[in-house]
């Protein structure tokens, strides 16, 4: 099975004002990209999938928007952030591996 990928984050810590939009960055290199998932890790609720984006298509779910401005980059925009949005955010890349 052949699969090769890497993920890069920027801004390891972001401080925001409640209600002001925020953008998080995920850079990735992957062979045979299939999709990307944004996860929120919060001590009270554990990992929660907040958004799934397939085939580098811009996607939105509620206040969360995944944007692919160029190949290998996904931005997570959080509209009207709340105190309850405080958490660790991760992007998870899905790929179709080749035999």
C-alpha atoms as a PDB file:
ATOM      1  CA  UNK A   1       0.000   0.000   0.000  1.00  0.00           C
ATOM      2  CA  UNK A   2       1.395   3.401  -0.974  1.00  0.00           C
ATOM      3  CA  UNK A   3       0.278   6.555   0.782  1.00  0.00           C
ATOM      4  CA  UNK A   4       2.318   9.624   1.548  1.00  0.00           C
ATOM      5  CA  UNK A   5       1.165  12.757   3.351  1.00  0.00           C
ATOM      6  CA  UNK A   6       2.117  15.560   5.717  1.00  0.00           C
ATOM      7  CA  UNK A   7       0.097  18.175   7.594  1.00  0.00           C
ATOM      8  CA  UNK A   8       1.208  21.661   8.699  1.00  0.00           C
ATOM      9  CA  UNK A   9      -0.496  24.056  11.095  1.00  0.00           C
ATOM     10  CA  UNK A  10       0.050  27.761  11.715  1.00  0.00           C
ATOM     11  CA  UNK A  11      -0.757  29.809  14.808  1.00  0.00           C
ATOM     12  CA  UNK A  12      -0.511  27.133  17.465  1.00  0.00           C
ATOM     13  CA  UNK A  13      -2.479  29.413  19.792  1.00  0.00           C
ATOM     14  CA  UNK A  14      -5.088  31.953  18.729  1.00  0.00           C
ATOM     15  CA  UNK A  15      -6.748  34.445  21.054  1.00  0.00           C
ATOM     16  CA  UNK A  16      -9.968  35.967  19.774  1.00  0.00           C
ATOM     17  CA  UNK A  17     -12.700  38.314  20.874  1.00  0.00           C
ATOM     18  CA  UNK A  18     -16.128  36.742  21.140  1.00  0.00           C
ATOM     19  CA  UNK A  19     -18.144  37.507  18.018  1.00  0.00           C
ATOM     20  CA  UNK A  20     -15.149  38.423  15.807  1.00  0.00           C
ATOM     21  CA  UNK A  21     -14.567  35.922  12.968  1.00  0.00           C
ATOM     22  CA  UNK A  22     -11.461  33.748  13.174  1.00  0.00           C
ATOM     23  CA  UNK A  23      -9.589  31.713  10.557  1.00  0.00           C
ATOM     24  CA  UNK A  24      -7.481  28.607  11.202  1.00  0.00           C
ATOM     25  CA  UNK A  25      -4.970  27.191   8.708  1.00  0.00           C
ATOM     26  CA  UNK A  26      -4.216  23.629   7.657  1.00  0.00           C
ATOM     27  CA  UNK A  27      -1.611  22.913   4.993  1.00  0.00           C
ATOM     28  CA  UNK A  28      -1.214  19.405   3.631  1.00  0.00           C
ATOM     29  CA  UNK A  29       0.617  17.357   1.021  1.00  0.00           C
ATOM     30  CA  UNK A  30      -0.983  14.078   0.107  1.00  0.00           C
ATOM     31  CA  UNK A  31      -1.073  11.696  -2.796  1.00  0.00           C
ATOM     32  CA  UNK A  32      -4.620  10.909  -3.939  1.00  0.00           C
ATOM     33  CA  UNK A  33      -6.451  13.419  -1.728  1.00  0.00           C
ATOM     34  CA  UNK A  34      -9.996  12.344  -0.907  1.00  0.00           C
ATOM     35  CA  UNK A  35     -11.201  14.623   1.859  1.00  0.00           C
ATOM     36  CA  UNK A  36     -10.451  16.637   4.949  1.00  0.00           C
ATOM     37  CA  UNK A  37     -12.130  16.705   8.343  1.00  0.00           C
ATOM     38  CA  UNK A  38     -11.883  19.418  10.998  1.00  0.00           C
ATOM     39  CA  UNK A  39     -12.071  18.172  14.584  1.00  0.00           C
ATOM     40  CA  UNK A  40     -12.561  20.066  17.832  1.00  0.00           C
ATOM     41  CA  UNK A  41     -10.873  18.573  20.914  1.00  0.00           C
ATOM     42  CA  UNK A  42     -12.412  19.744  24.152  1.00  0.00           C
ATOM     43  CA  UNK A  43     -11.783  18.172  27.607  1.00  0.00           C
ATOM     44  CA  UNK A  44     -15.504  18.174  28.453  1.00  0.00           C
ATOM     45  CA  UNK A  45     -16.776  16.466  25.290  1.00  0.00           C
ATOM     46  CA  UNK A  46     -13.750  14.760  23.727  1.00  0.00           C
ATOM     47  CA  UNK A  47     -13.108  14.870  19.964  1.00  0.00           C
ATOM     48  CA  UNK A  48     -16.004  16.144  17.850  1.00  0.00           C
ATOM     49  CA  UNK A  49     -16.096  16.243  14.043  1.00  0.00           C
ATOM     50  CA  UNK A  50     -17.332  19.714  13.103  1.00  0.00           C
ATOM     51  CA  UNK A  51     -16.907  19.696   9.330  1.00  0.00           C
ATOM     52  CA  UNK A  52     -16.181  17.246   6.494  1.00  0.00           C
ATOM     53  CA  UNK A  53     -14.992  18.503   3.118  1.00  0.00           C
ATOM     54  CA  UNK A  54     -14.586  16.161   0.147  1.00  0.00           C
ATOM     55  CA  UNK A  55     -12.440  16.648  -2.951  1.00  0.00           C
ATOM     56  CA  UNK A  56     -11.238  20.167  -2.023  1.00  0.00           C
ATOM     57  CA  UNK A  57     -14.721  21.671  -2.292  1.00  0.00           C
ATOM     58  CA  UNK A  58     -15.638  24.642  -0.121  1.00  0.00           C
ATOM     59  CA  UNK A  59     -18.080  23.417   2.520  1.00  0.00           C
ATOM     60  CA  UNK A  60     -20.059  24.932   5.379  1.00  0.00           C
ATOM     61  CA  UNK A  61     -21.871  23.570   8.398  1.00  0.00           C
ATOM     62  CA  UNK A  62     -23.537  26.131  10.620  1.00  0.00           C
ATOM     63  CA  UNK A  63     -20.969  28.735  11.698  1.00  0.00           C
ATOM     64  CA  UNK A  64     -18.029  26.724  10.315  1.00  0.00           C
ATOM     65  CA  UNK A  65     -16.750  27.161   6.747  1.00  0.00           C
ATOM     66  CA  UNK A  66     -13.941  25.171   5.094  1.00  0.00           C
ATOM     67  CA  UNK A  67     -12.320  27.041   2.218  1.00  0.00           C
ATOM     68  CA  UNK A  68      -9.695  25.661  -0.176  1.00  0.00           C
ATOM     69  CA  UNK A  69      -7.997  28.791  -1.604  1.00  0.00           C
ATOM     70  CA  UNK A  70      -5.353  26.690  -3.376  1.00  0.00           C
ATOM     71  CA  UNK A  71      -4.177  23.105  -3.663  1.00  0.00           C
ATOM     72  CA  UNK A  72      -2.889  21.813  -0.331  1.00  0.00           C
ATOM     73  CA  UNK A  73      -4.429  24.535   1.843  1.00  0.00           C
ATOM     74  CA  UNK A  74      -7.656  24.463   3.838  1.00  0.00           C
ATOM     75  CA  UNK A  75      -8.851  27.385   5.938  1.00  0.00           C
ATOM     76  CA  UNK A  76     -11.436  26.927   8.670  1.00  0.00           C
ATOM     77  CA  UNK A  77     -13.480  30.093   9.180  1.00  0.00           C
ATOM     78  CA  UNK A  78     -15.497  30.327  12.388  1.00  0.00           C
ATOM     79  CA  UNK A  79     -18.257  32.913  12.141  1.00  0.00           C
ATOM     80  CA  UNK A  80     -19.488  34.538  15.353  1.00  0.00           C
ATOM     81  CA  UNK A  81     -17.161  32.556  17.676  1.00  0.00           C
ATOM     82  CA  UNK A  82     -18.360  31.856  21.211  1.00  0.00           C
ATOM     83  CA  UNK A  83     -16.614  31.066  24.474  1.00  0.00           C
ATOM     84  CA  UNK A  84     -17.810  27.470  24.021  1.00  0.00           C
ATOM     85  CA  UNK A  85     -15.661  27.268  20.846  1.00  0.00           C
ATOM     86  CA  UNK A  86     -12.501  27.327  22.996  1.00  0.00           C
ATOM     87  CA  UNK A  87     -10.706  24.088  22.151  1.00  0.00           C
ATOM     88  CA  UNK A  88      -7.888  22.506  20.197  1.00  0.00           C
ATOM     89  CA  UNK A  89      -8.727  22.269  16.473  1.00  0.00           C
ATOM     90  CA  UNK A  90      -7.158  19.647  14.214  1.00  0.00           C
ATOM     91  CA  UNK A  91      -7.484  18.834  10.547  1.00  0.00           C
ATOM     92  CA  UNK A  92      -7.446  15.219   9.451  1.00  0.00           C
ATOM     93  CA  UNK A  93      -6.653  14.351   5.842  1.00  0.00           C
ATOM     94  CA  UNK A  94      -8.212  11.368   4.092  1.00  0.00           C
ATOM     95  CA  UNK A  95      -6.468   9.806   1.114  1.00  0.00           C
ATOM     96  CA  UNK A  96      -7.077   6.896  -1.215  1.00  0.00           C
ATOM     97  CA  UNK A  97      -3.958   4.770  -0.963  1.00  0.00           C
ATOM     98  CA  UNK A  98      -2.659   2.780  -3.910  1.00  0.00           C
ATOM     99  CA  UNK A  99      -1.504  -0.841  -3.873  1.00  0.00           C
END
